[in-house]
Protein backbone atom coordinates (compact mmCIF):
# COMPACT_ATOMS: atom_id res chain seq x y z
CA GLN A 1 7.28 -14.19 -8.57
CA VAL A 2 4.69 -12.50 -6.96
CA GLN A 3 1.46 -11.16 -8.14
CA LEU A 4 -0.68 -8.04 -6.36
CA VAL A 5 -4.27 -6.95 -7.07
CA GLU A 6 -5.06 -3.62 -5.70
CA SER A 7 -8.64 -2.48 -5.03
CA GLY A 8 -10.53 -0.14 -2.56
CA GLY A 9 -9.87 3.29 -4.12
CA GLY A 10 -12.56 5.90 -4.98
CA LEU A 11 -13.90 9.16 -4.18
CA VAL A 12 -14.33 10.72 -0.71
CA GLN A 13 -14.76 13.86 1.14
CA ALA A 14 -11.88 15.17 3.23
CA GLY A 15 -12.50 13.80 6.54
CA GLY A 16 -13.60 10.67 5.40
CA SER A 17 -12.08 6.61 5.37
CA LEU A 18 -10.85 4.40 2.79
CA ARG A 19 -9.80 0.88 3.39
CA LEU A 20 -7.00 -0.32 0.44
CA SER A 21 -6.69 -3.66 -0.27
CA CYS A 22 -3.95 -5.62 -2.12
CA ALA A 23 -4.16 -9.59 -2.59
CA PHE A 24 -0.97 -11.17 -3.38
CA SER A 25 -0.56 -14.27 -4.77
CA GLY A 26 2.57 -16.56 -6.28
CA ILE A 27 6.00 -17.61 -4.79
CA ILE A 28 5.38 -15.28 -1.46
CA SER A 29 7.16 -17.27 0.99
CA GLY A 30 10.52 -15.25 0.06
CA ILE A 31 8.66 -11.74 0.56
CA ASN A 32 10.44 -9.62 3.23
CA ARG A 33 8.47 -6.12 2.88
CA MET A 34 4.93 -5.30 1.88
CA GLY A 35 4.04 -1.83 1.30
CA TRP A 36 2.00 0.98 -0.03
CA TYR A 37 3.26 3.68 -2.27
CA ARG A 38 1.23 6.76 -3.87
CA GLN A 39 1.92 9.20 -6.93
CA ALA A 40 0.16 12.36 -7.75
CA PRO A 41 0.18 13.60 -11.25
CA GLY A 42 3.29 15.32 -11.85
CA LYS A 43 5.27 13.98 -8.59
CA GLN A 44 7.30 11.15 -7.73
CA ARG A 45 5.83 7.93 -6.61
CA ASP A 46 6.46 7.99 -2.55
CA LEU A 47 6.47 5.22 -0.24
CA VAL A 48 3.09 5.70 2.49
CA ALA A 49 3.67 2.88 4.47
CA ALA A 50 5.46 -1.01 5.04
CA VAL A 51 5.12 -3.61 6.64
CA PHE A 52 8.25 -6.40 7.11
CA SER A 53 7.99 -9.59 8.06
CA ALA A 54 9.31 -9.40 11.60
CA GLY A 55 6.57 -6.83 12.04
CA ARG A 56 8.27 -3.52 12.18
CA ILE A 57 6.69 -0.90 10.33
CA ASN A 58 7.18 2.29 8.90
CA TYR A 59 4.73 5.11 7.84
CA ALA A 60 5.44 8.40 5.99
CA ASP A 61 5.50 11.44 8.19
CA SER A 62 2.59 13.14 6.37
CA VAL A 63 0.18 9.80 7.19
CA LYS A 64 1.47 9.18 10.46
CA GLY A 65 -1.72 9.08 13.23
CA ARG A 66 -3.88 8.83 10.20
CA PHE A 67 -2.79 5.64 8.40
CA THR A 68 -2.52 2.04 9.68
CA ILE A 69 -1.00 -0.84 7.32
CA SER A 70 -1.75 -4.24 8.31
CA ARG A 71 -0.95 -7.58 6.98
CA ASP A 72 -3.45 -10.60 6.91
CA ASN A 73 -1.66 -13.66 6.31
CA ALA A 74 -4.43 -16.31 6.07
CA LYS A 75 -6.17 -13.84 3.68
CA ASN A 76 -2.78 -12.99 1.97
CA THR A 77 -3.89 -9.34 1.97
CA VAL A 78 -2.35 -6.41 3.09
CA TYR A 79 -4.32 -3.12 4.10
CA LEU A 80 -4.46 0.16 3.94
CA GLN A 81 -7.09 1.95 6.26
CA MET A 82 -6.73 5.58 5.57
CA ASN A 83 -8.76 7.89 7.87
CA SER A 84 -9.03 11.21 8.53
CA LEU A 85 -8.07 11.71 4.57
CA LYS A 86 -7.02 15.36 3.18
CA PRO A 87 -7.30 16.40 -0.75
CA GLU A 88 -3.15 15.98 -0.62
CA ASP A 89 -3.85 12.37 -0.36
CA THR A 90 -5.23 12.22 -3.51
CA ALA A 91 -3.00 10.09 -5.91
CA VAL A 92 -2.62 6.69 -7.60
CA TYR A 93 -1.99 4.02 -4.95
CA TYR A 94 0.08 1.19 -5.59
CA CYS A 95 0.82 -2.02 -3.46
CA ASN A 96 4.32 -3.04 -3.16
CA ALA A 97 6.00 -6.39 -2.24
CA ASP A 98 9.80 -7.32 -2.04
CA SER A 99 11.21 -10.65 -1.96
CA VAL A 100 14.30 -12.79 -2.35
CA LEU A 101 13.95 -15.43 -4.52
CA SER A 102 17.07 -18.09 -4.39
CA GLY A 103 19.32 -15.16 -3.07
CA THR A 104 17.77 -12.68 -5.85
CA PRO A 105 15.96 -9.85 -4.91
CA PHE A 106 12.79 -9.36 -6.49
CA THR A 107 9.98 -6.07 -6.30
CA SER A 108 6.75 -6.32 -7.58
CA TRP A 109 3.69 -3.93 -8.23
CA GLY A 110 0.38 -3.96 -8.05
CA ARG A 111 -1.81 -1.70 -11.23
CA GLY A 112 -2.70 0.77 -8.76
CA THR A 113 -6.07 2.12 -7.33
CA GLN A 114 -6.94 5.70 -7.59
CA VAL A 115 -8.21 7.69 -4.52
CA THR A 116 -9.27 11.11 -5.07
CA VAL A 117 -9.94 13.40 -1.84
CA SER A 118 -12.54 16.33 -2.52
CA SER A 119 -12.59 19.17 0.24
């Protein structure tokens, strides 16, 4: 399957920027989508952004124009560039990969990285 390791979280003031990284390894040939999700305390885990193997990208409405997802296949890394951060962006951010191996779908998750935005 696929292993995912996030990094880059931290504490930042409102209006600041952070870049999250997700290093992926394992059986990566079957990955057809990679994404970033976030979960704030007491809330469900929601999609922030996703990039498909064919190149299509989706963003949550709340982050459009502020966040950018990108994938570097040479480095086996997916990034989430977060600009103009707001306190409501505070959450644990998780990297996700959807893949298909021998016709069986798999979903992999990283352990998450904390992002805290102070007002």
